[in-house]
PDB file of N, CA and C in Angstrom:
ATOM      1  N   MET A   1       3.022   0.585   1.338  1.00  0.00           N
ATOM      2  CA  MET A   1       3.514  -0.776   1.485  1.00  0.00           C
ATOM      3  C   MET A   1       2.659  -1.480   2.534  1.00  0.00           C
ATOM      4  N   ILE A   2       2.423  -2.751   2.298  1.00  0.00           N
ATOM      5  CA  ILE A   2       1.686  -3.552   3.279  1.00  0.00           C
ATOM      6  C   ILE A   2       2.555  -4.736   3.694  1.00  0.00           C
ATOM      7  N   LEU A   3       2.377  -5.155   4.926  1.00  0.00           N
ATOM      8  CA  LEU A   3       3.118  -6.296   5.452  1.00  0.00           C
ATOM      9  C   LEU A   3       2.352  -7.578   5.164  1.00  0.00           C
ATOM     10  N   VAL A   4       3.026  -8.527   4.521  1.00  0.00           N
ATOM     11  CA  VAL A   4       2.485  -9.869   4.300  1.00  0.00           C
ATOM     12  C   VAL A   4       3.546 -10.863   4.744  1.00  0.00           C
ATOM     13  N   HIS A   5       3.178 -12.117   4.814  1.00  0.00           N
ATOM     14  CA  HIS A   5       4.121 -13.158   5.233  1.00  0.00           C
ATOM     15  C   HIS A   5       4.098 -14.301   4.227  1.00  0.00           C
ATOM     16  N   ARG A   6       5.274 -14.759   3.874  1.00  0.00           N
ATOM     17  CA  ARG A   6       5.362 -15.956   3.044  1.00  0.00           C
ATOM     18  C   ARG A   6       4.830 -17.133   3.856  1.00  0.00           C
ATOM     19  N   LEU A   7       4.573 -18.252   3.215  1.00  0.00           N
ATOM     20  CA  LEU A   7       3.983 -19.398   3.916  1.00  0.00           C
ATOM     21  C   LEU A   7       4.849 -19.900   5.065  1.00  0.00           C
ATOM     22  N   LYS A   8       6.164 -19.740   4.947  1.00  0.00           N
ATOM     23  CA  LYS A   8       7.052 -20.185   6.025  1.00  0.00           C
ATOM     24  C   LYS A   8       7.185 -19.152   7.129  1.00  0.00           C
ATOM     25  N   GLY A   9       6.482 -18.012   6.999  1.00  0.00           N
ATOM     26  CA  GLY A   9       6.457 -17.012   8.046  1.00  0.00           C
ATOM     27  C   GLY A   9       7.361 -15.817   7.855  1.00  0.00           C
ATOM     28  N   GLU A  10       8.162 -15.794   6.798  1.00  0.00           N
ATOM     29  CA  GLU A  10       9.053 -14.659   6.590  1.00  0.00           C
ATOM     30  C   GLU A  10       8.236 -13.419   6.223  1.00  0.00           C
ATOM     31  N   PRO A  11       8.484 -12.298   6.918  1.00  0.00           N
ATOM     32  CA  PRO A  11       7.754 -11.075   6.602  1.00  0.00           C
ATOM     33  C   PRO A  11       8.251 -10.458   5.298  1.00  0.00           C
ATOM     34  N   LEU A  12       7.354  -9.790   4.616  1.00  0.00           N
ATOM     35  CA  LEU A  12       7.680  -9.163   3.345  1.00  0.00           C
ATOM     36  C   LEU A  12       6.785  -7.931   3.190  1.00  0.00           C
ATOM     37  N   TYR A  13       7.392  -6.800   2.840  1.00  0.00           N
ATOM     38  CA  TYR A  13       6.611  -5.603   2.556  1.00  0.00           C
ATOM     39  C   TYR A  13       6.352  -5.537   1.062  1.00  0.00           C
ATOM     40  N   LEU A  14       5.093  -5.378   0.709  1.00  0.00           N
ATOM     41  CA  LEU A  14       4.659  -5.416  -0.684  1.00  0.00           C
ATOM     42  C   LEU A  14       4.050  -4.072  -1.065  1.00  0.00           C
ATOM     43  N   ASN A  15       4.427  -3.568  -2.225  1.00  0.00           N
ATOM     44  CA  ASN A  15       3.855  -2.329  -2.733  1.00  0.00           C
ATOM     45  C   ASN A  15       2.409  -2.614  -3.148  1.00  0.00           C
ATOM     46  N   ALA A  16       1.464  -2.081  -2.386  1.00  0.00           N
ATOM     47  CA  ALA A  16       0.048  -2.350  -2.633  1.00  0.00           C
ATOM     48  C   ALA A  16      -0.413  -1.838  -3.990  1.00  0.00           C
ATOM     49  N   ASP A  17       0.281  -0.843  -4.540  1.00  0.00           N
ATOM     50  CA  ASP A  17      -0.100  -0.305  -5.847  1.00  0.00           C
ATOM     51  C   ASP A  17       0.197  -1.275  -6.986  1.00  0.00           C
ATOM     52  N   LEU A  18       0.998  -2.296  -6.727  1.00  0.00           N
ATOM     53  CA  LEU A  18       1.354  -3.250  -7.776  1.00  0.00           C
ATOM     54  C   LEU A  18       0.463  -4.486  -7.804  1.00  0.00           C
ATOM     55  N   ILE A  19      -0.504  -4.565  -6.893  1.00  0.00           N
ATOM     56  CA  ILE A  19      -1.396  -5.733  -6.844  1.00  0.00           C
ATOM     57  C   ILE A  19      -2.450  -5.612  -7.940  1.00  0.00           C
ATOM     58  N   GLU A  20      -2.516  -6.634  -8.787  1.00  0.00           N
ATOM     59  CA  GLU A  20      -3.546  -6.668  -9.830  1.00  0.00           C
ATOM     60  C   GLU A  20      -4.780  -7.402  -9.319  1.00  0.00           C
ATOM     61  N   PHE A  21      -4.571  -8.597  -8.734  1.00  0.00           N
ATOM     62  CA  PHE A  21      -5.685  -9.302  -8.104  1.00  0.00           C
ATOM     63  C   PHE A  21      -5.164 -10.299  -7.082  1.00  0.00           C
ATOM     64  N   VAL A  22      -6.096 -10.743  -6.221  1.00  0.00           N
ATOM     65  CA  VAL A  22      -5.794 -11.692  -5.150  1.00  0.00           C
ATOM     66  C   VAL A  22      -6.790 -12.831  -5.263  1.00  0.00           C
ATOM     67  N   GLU A  23      -6.284 -14.061  -5.159  1.00  0.00           N
ATOM     68  CA  GLU A  23      -7.175 -15.219  -5.245  1.00  0.00           C
ATOM     69  C   GLU A  23      -6.810 -16.246  -4.183  1.00  0.00           C
ATOM     70  N   SER A  24      -7.770 -17.102  -3.884  1.00  0.00           N
ATOM     71  CA  SER A  24      -7.564 -18.171  -2.917  1.00  0.00           C
ATOM     72  C   SER A  24      -7.682 -19.490  -3.653  1.00  0.00           C
ATOM     73  N   THR A  25      -6.593 -20.297  -3.627  1.00  0.00           N
ATOM     74  CA  THR A  25      -6.573 -21.497  -4.487  1.00  0.00           C
ATOM     75  C   THR A  25      -6.118 -22.790  -3.820  1.00  0.00           C
ATOM     76  N   PRO A  26      -6.171 -23.219  -2.636  1.00  0.00           N
ATOM     77  CA  PRO A  26      -6.687 -22.573  -1.426  1.00  0.00           C
ATOM     78  C   PRO A  26      -5.697 -21.607  -0.778  1.00  0.00           C
ATOM     79  N   ASP A  27      -4.402 -21.673  -1.166  1.00  0.00           N
ATOM     80  CA  ASP A  27      -3.478 -20.676  -0.637  1.00  0.00           C
ATOM     81  C   ASP A  27      -3.793 -19.329  -1.281  1.00  0.00           C
ATOM     82  N   THR A  28      -3.439 -18.255  -0.576  1.00  0.00           N
ATOM     83  CA  THR A  28      -3.665 -16.924  -1.124  1.00  0.00           C
ATOM     84  C   THR A  28      -2.541 -16.603  -2.106  1.00  0.00           C
ATOM     85  N   VAL A  29      -2.927 -16.311  -3.347  1.00  0.00           N
ATOM     86  CA  VAL A  29      -1.972 -15.976  -4.398  1.00  0.00           C
ATOM     87  C   VAL A  29      -2.236 -14.531  -4.821  1.00  0.00           C
ATOM     88  N   ILE A  30      -1.187 -13.707  -4.720  1.00  0.00           N
ATOM     89  CA  ILE A  30      -1.267 -12.313  -5.160  1.00  0.00           C
ATOM     90  C   ILE A  30      -0.585 -12.231  -6.516  1.00  0.00           C
ATOM     91  N   THR A  31      -1.307 -11.717  -7.495  1.00  0.00           N
ATOM     92  CA  THR A  31      -0.717 -11.499  -8.816  1.00  0.00           C
ATOM     93  C   THR A  31      -0.444 -10.014  -8.966  1.00  0.00           C
ATOM     94  N   LEU A  32       0.797  -9.697  -9.326  1.00  0.00           N
ATOM     95  CA  LEU A  32       1.211  -8.312  -9.496  1.00  0.00           C
ATOM     96  C   LEU A  32       0.985  -7.866 -10.929  1.00  0.00           C
ATOM     97  N   VAL A  33       1.013  -6.567 -11.161  1.00  0.00           N
ATOM     98  CA  VAL A  33       0.730  -6.037 -12.496  1.00  0.00           C
ATOM     99  C   VAL A  33       1.717  -6.517 -13.553  1.00  0.00           C
ATOM    100  N   ASP A  34       2.915  -6.943 -13.145  1.00  0.00           N
ATOM    101  CA  ASP A  34       3.885  -7.440 -14.118  1.00  0.00           C
ATOM    102  C   ASP A  34       3.780  -8.949 -14.334  1.00  0.00           C
ATOM    103  N   GLY A  35       2.764  -9.590 -13.718  1.00  0.00           N
ATOM    104  CA  GLY A  35       2.538 -11.019 -13.908  1.00  0.00           C
ATOM    105  C   GLY A  35       3.164 -11.911 -12.851  1.00  0.00           C
ATOM    106  N   ARG A  36       4.059 -11.352 -12.022  1.00  0.00           N
ATOM    107  CA  ARG A  36       4.655 -12.168 -10.960  1.00  0.00           C
ATOM    108  C   ARG A  36       3.575 -12.562  -9.962  1.00  0.00           C
ATOM    109  N   LYS A  37       3.739 -13.749  -9.388  1.00  0.00           N
ATOM    110  CA  LYS A  37       2.781 -14.259  -8.407  1.00  0.00           C
ATOM    111  C   LYS A  37       3.502 -14.485  -7.086  1.00  0.00           C
ATOM    112  N   MET A  38       2.793 -14.222  -6.011  1.00  0.00           N
ATOM    113  CA  MET A  38       3.323 -14.430  -4.665  1.00  0.00           C
ATOM    114  C   MET A  38       2.297 -15.217  -3.872  1.00  0.00           C
ATOM    115  N   VAL A  39       2.756 -16.234  -3.155  1.00  0.00           N
ATOM    116  CA  VAL A  39       1.890 -17.004  -2.273  1.00  0.00           C
ATOM    117  C   VAL A  39       2.161 -16.510  -0.859  1.00  0.00           C
ATOM    118  N   VAL A  40       1.101 -16.108  -0.159  1.00  0.00           N
ATOM    119  CA  VAL A  40       1.247 -15.538   1.177  1.00  0.00           C
ATOM    120  C   VAL A  40       0.332 -16.240   2.168  1.00  0.00           C
ATOM    121  N   ALA A  41       0.629 -16.049   3.444  1.00  0.00           N
ATOM    122  CA  ALA A  41      -0.124 -16.714   4.513  1.00  0.00           C
ATOM    123  C   ALA A  41      -1.459 -16.029   4.807  1.00  0.00           C
ATOM    124  N   GLU A  42      -1.552 -14.737   4.533  1.00  0.00           N
ATOM    125  CA  GLU A  42      -2.770 -13.990   4.843  1.00  0.00           C
ATOM    126  C   GLU A  42      -3.913 -14.384   3.914  1.00  0.00           C
ATOM    127  N   SER A  43      -5.141 -14.171   4.377  1.00  0.00           N
ATOM    128  CA  SER A  43      -6.313 -14.447   3.539  1.00  0.00           C
ATOM    129  C   SER A  43      -6.498 -13.307   2.536  1.00  0.00           C
ATOM    130  N   PRO A  44      -7.237 -13.568   1.464  1.00  0.00           N
ATOM    131  CA  PRO A  44      -7.510 -12.479   0.514  1.00  0.00           C
ATOM    132  C   PRO A  44      -8.153 -11.263   1.192  1.00  0.00           C
ATOM    133  N   GLN A  45      -9.065 -11.498   2.129  1.00  0.00           N
ATOM    134  CA  GLN A  45      -9.721 -10.385   2.813  1.00  0.00           C
ATOM    135  C   GLN A  45      -8.725  -9.563   3.625  1.00  0.00           C
ATOM    136  N   GLU A  46      -7.749 -10.216   4.258  1.00  0.00           N
ATOM    137  CA  GLU A  46      -6.714  -9.487   4.998  1.00  0.00           C
ATOM    138  C   GLU A  46      -5.896  -8.605   4.050  1.00  0.00           C
ATOM    139  N   ILE A  47      -5.596  -9.099   2.865  1.00  0.00           N
ATOM    140  CA  ILE A  47      -4.842  -8.322   1.881  1.00  0.00           C
ATOM    141  C   ILE A  47      -5.654  -7.095   1.462  1.00  0.00           C
ATOM    142  N   VAL A  48      -6.932  -7.296   1.198  1.00  0.00           N
ATOM    143  CA  VAL A  48      -7.804  -6.183   0.814  1.00  0.00           C
ATOM    144  C   VAL A  48      -7.874  -5.155   1.943  1.00  0.00           C
ATOM    145  N   ASP A  49      -8.068  -5.624   3.169  1.00  0.00           N
ATOM    146  CA  ASP A  49      -8.167  -4.715   4.316  1.00  0.00           C
ATOM    147  C   ASP A  49      -6.877  -3.922   4.511  1.00  0.00           C
ATOM    148  N   ARG A  50      -5.739  -4.571   4.402  1.00  0.00           N
ATOM    149  CA  ARG A  50      -4.458  -3.881   4.575  1.00  0.00           C
ATOM    150  C   ARG A  50      -4.220  -2.875   3.454  1.00  0.00           C
ATOM    151  N   SER A  51      -4.622  -3.228   2.241  1.00  0.00           N
ATOM    152  CA  SER A  51      -4.464  -2.303   1.118  1.00  0.00           C
ATOM    153  C   SER A  51      -5.338  -1.068   1.310  1.00  0.00           C
ATOM    154  N   ARG A  52      -6.562  -1.273   1.778  1.00  0.00           N
ATOM    155  CA  ARG A  52      -7.465  -0.144   2.024  1.00  0.00           C
ATOM    156  C   ARG A  52      -6.922   0.753   3.122  1.00  0.00           C
ATOM    157  N   LEU A  53      -6.405   0.169   4.195  1.00  0.00           N
ATOM    158  CA  LEU A  53      -5.834   0.971   5.277  1.00  0.00           C
ATOM    159  C   LEU A  53      -4.610   1.744   4.800  1.00  0.00           C
ATOM    160  N   PHE A  54      -3.784   1.105   3.984  1.00  0.00           N
ATOM    161  CA  PHE A  54      -2.607   1.787   3.454  1.00  0.00           C
ATOM    162  C   PHE A  54      -3.028   2.987   2.607  1.00  0.00           C
ATOM    163  N   ARG A  55      -3.969   2.784   1.703  1.00  0.00           N
ATOM    164  CA  ARG A  55      -4.403   3.885   0.831  1.00  0.00           C
ATOM    165  C   ARG A  55      -5.040   5.007   1.651  1.00  0.00           C
ATOM    166  N   ALA A  56      -5.821   4.650   2.661  1.00  0.00           N
ATOM    167  CA  ALA A  56      -6.427   5.675   3.525  1.00  0.00           C
ATOM    168  C   ALA A  56      -5.347   6.463   4.260  1.00  0.00           C
ATOM    169  N   SER A  57      -4.288   5.787   4.713  1.00  0.00           N
ATOM    170  CA  SER A  57      -3.223   6.485   5.429  1.00  0.00           C
ATOM    171  C   SER A  57      -2.477   7.451   4.508  1.00  0.00           C
ATOM    172  N   VAL A  58      -2.357   7.107   3.236  1.00  0.00           N
ATOM    173  CA  VAL A  58      -1.712   8.002   2.271  1.00  0.00           C
ATOM    174  C   VAL A  58      -2.559   9.259   2.081  1.00  0.00           C
ATOM    175  N   ILE A  59      -3.867   9.091   1.978  1.00  0.00           N
ATOM    176  CA  ILE A  59      -4.763  10.242   1.810  1.00  0.00           C
ATOM    177  C   ILE A  59      -4.719  11.144   3.035  1.00  0.00           C
ATOM    178  N   VAL A  60      -4.752  10.551   4.226  1.00  0.00           N
ATOM    179  CA  VAL A  60      -4.691  11.343   5.463  1.00  0.00           C
ATOM    180  C   VAL A  60      -3.375  12.106   5.539  1.00  0.00           C
ATOM    181  N   ALA A  61      -2.270  11.440   5.246  1.00  0.00           N
ATOM    182  CA  ALA A  61      -0.960  12.098   5.293  1.00  0.00           C
ATOM    183  C   ALA A  61      -0.893  13.236   4.282  1.00  0.00           C
ATOM    184  N   SER A  62      -1.455  13.029   3.113  1.00  0.00           N
ATOM    185  CA  SER A  62      -1.465  14.065   2.081  1.00  0.00           C
ATOM    186  C   SER A  62      -2.265  15.277   2.541  1.00  0.00           C
ATOM    187  N   ASP A  63      -3.426  15.036   3.124  1.00  0.00           N
ATOM    188  CA  ASP A  63      -4.247  16.139   3.628  1.00  0.00           C
ATOM    189  C   ASP A  63      -3.525  16.905   4.730  1.00  0.00           C
ATOM    190  N   GLU A  64      -2.818  16.187   5.598  1.00  0.00           N
ATOM    191  CA  GLU A  64      -2.074  16.847   6.667  1.00  0.00           C
ATOM    192  C   GLU A  64      -0.955  17.710   6.101  1.00  0.00           C
ATOM    193  N   LEU A  65      -0.264  17.207   5.074  1.00  0.00           N
ATOM    194  CA  LEU A  65       0.809  17.980   4.461  1.00  0.00           C
ATOM    195  C   LEU A  65       0.281  19.210   3.728  1.00  0.00           C
ATOM    196  N   LYS A  66      -0.886  19.089   3.124  1.00  0.00           N
ATOM    197  CA  LYS A  66      -1.475  20.233   2.428  1.00  0.00           C
ATOM    198  C   LYS A  66      -1.841  21.339   3.406  1.00  0.00           C
ATOM    199  N   GLY A  67      -2.295  20.937   4.590  1.00  0.00           N
ATOM    200  CA  GLY A  67      -2.801  21.909   5.551  1.00  0.00           C
ATOM    201  C   GLY A  67      -1.749  22.609   6.363  1.00  0.00           C
ATOM    202  N   LYS A  68      -0.723  21.884   6.788  1.00  0.00           N
ATOM    203  CA  LYS A  68       0.268  22.469   7.688  1.00  0.00           C
ATOM    204  C   LYS A  68       1.653  21.946   7.381  1.00  0.00           C
ATOM    205  N   GLY A  69       2.630  22.782   7.614  1.00  0.00           N
ATOM    206  CA  GLY A  69       4.012  22.354   7.548  1.00  0.00           C
ATOM    207  C   GLY A  69       4.443  21.887   8.922  1.00  0.00           C
ATOM    208  N   ALA A  70       5.691  21.545   9.071  1.00  0.00           N
ATOM    209  CA  ALA A  70       6.205  21.044  10.347  1.00  0.00           C
ATOM    210  C   ALA A  70       6.066  22.072  11.451  1.00  0.00           C
ATOM    211  N   ALA A  71       6.154  23.357  11.117  1.00  0.00           N
ATOM    212  CA  ALA A  71       6.081  24.412  12.133  1.00  0.00           C
ATOM    213  C   ALA A  71       4.670  24.965  12.275  1.00  0.00           C
ATOM    214  N   GLY A  72       3.689  24.318  11.645  1.00  0.00           N
ATOM    215  CA  GLY A  72       2.320  24.780  11.752  1.00  0.00           C
ATOM    216  C   GLY A  72       1.959  25.842  10.727  1.00  0.00           C
ATOM    217  N   THR A  73       2.814  26.104   9.762  1.00  0.00           N
ATOM    218  CA  THR A  73       2.514  27.080   8.722  1.00  0.00           C
ATOM    219  C   THR A  73       1.946  26.369   7.509  1.00  0.00           C
ATOM    220  N   LEU A  74       1.233  27.102   6.696  1.00  0.00           N
ATOM    221  CA  LEU A  74       0.685  26.517   5.481  1.00  0.00           C
ATOM    222  C   LEU A  74       1.796  26.250   4.484  1.00  0.00           C
ATOM    223  N   LEU A  75       1.674  25.154   3.769  1.00  0.00           N
ATOM    224  CA  LEU A  75       2.640  24.832   2.717  1.00  0.00           C
ATOM    225  C   LEU A  75       2.155  25.421   1.405  1.00  0.00           C
ATOM    226  N   THR A  76       3.065  25.931   0.608  1.00  0.00           N
ATOM    227  CA  THR A  76       2.725  26.425  -0.716  1.00  0.00           C
ATOM    228  C   THR A  76       3.735  25.897  -1.713  1.00  0.00           C
ATOM    229  N   LEU A  77       3.303  25.740  -2.948  1.00  0.00           N
ATOM    230  CA  LEU A  77       4.208  25.285  -4.002  1.00  0.00           C
ATOM    231  C   LEU A  77       5.002  26.472  -4.524  1.00  0.00           C
ATOM    232  N   LEU A  78       6.253  26.245  -4.778  1.00  0.00           N
ATOM    233  CA  LEU A  78       7.084  27.273  -5.395  1.00  0.00           C
ATOM    234  C   LEU A  78       6.834  27.277  -6.891  1.00  0.00           C
ATOM    235  N   PRO A  79       6.951  28.435  -7.559  1.00  0.00           N
ATOM    236  CA  PRO A  79       6.760  28.475  -9.012  1.00  0.00           C
ATOM    237  C   PRO A  79       7.694  27.473  -9.694  1.00  0.00           C
ATOM    238  N   GLY A  80       7.136  26.713 -10.625  1.00  0.00           N
ATOM    239  CA  GLY A  80       7.924  25.736 -11.367  1.00  0.00           C
ATOM    240  C   GLY A  80       8.030  24.384 -10.696  1.00  0.00           C
ATOM    241  N   SER A  81       7.460  24.206  -9.501  1.00  0.00           N
ATOM    242  CA  SER A  81       7.585  22.932  -8.789  1.00  0.00           C
ATOM    243  C   SER A  81       6.368  22.038  -8.979  1.00  0.00           C
ATOM    244  N   GLU A  82       5.442  22.443  -9.829  1.00  0.00           N
ATOM    245  CA  GLU A  82       4.210  21.674 -10.009  1.00  0.00           C
ATOM    246  C   GLU A  82       4.427  20.344 -10.706  1.00  0.00           C
ATOM    247  N   GLY A  83       5.462  20.158 -11.422  1.00  0.00           N
ATOM    248  CA  GLY A  83       5.574  18.899 -12.130  1.00  0.00           C
ATOM    249  C   GLY A  83       6.929  18.690 -12.604  1.00  0.00           C
TER     250      GLY A  83
END
């Protein structure tokens, strides 16, 4: 999730995975994969930067979970838990 703000300043957390594209018209308009549009105060570049940071944080968290459990032990999948 990334934090964006509506034009009047209200904060809103947006699922970055649902963003299809971002345009400046001159307001920043985010179009979601289902066709809904959102007008936000941030620039298109800020949206891109926040989305990249969010995705990077997910990868880092995933790598940390793969390597160690809460007690410092390795995590393993139980049989039948793969999917």
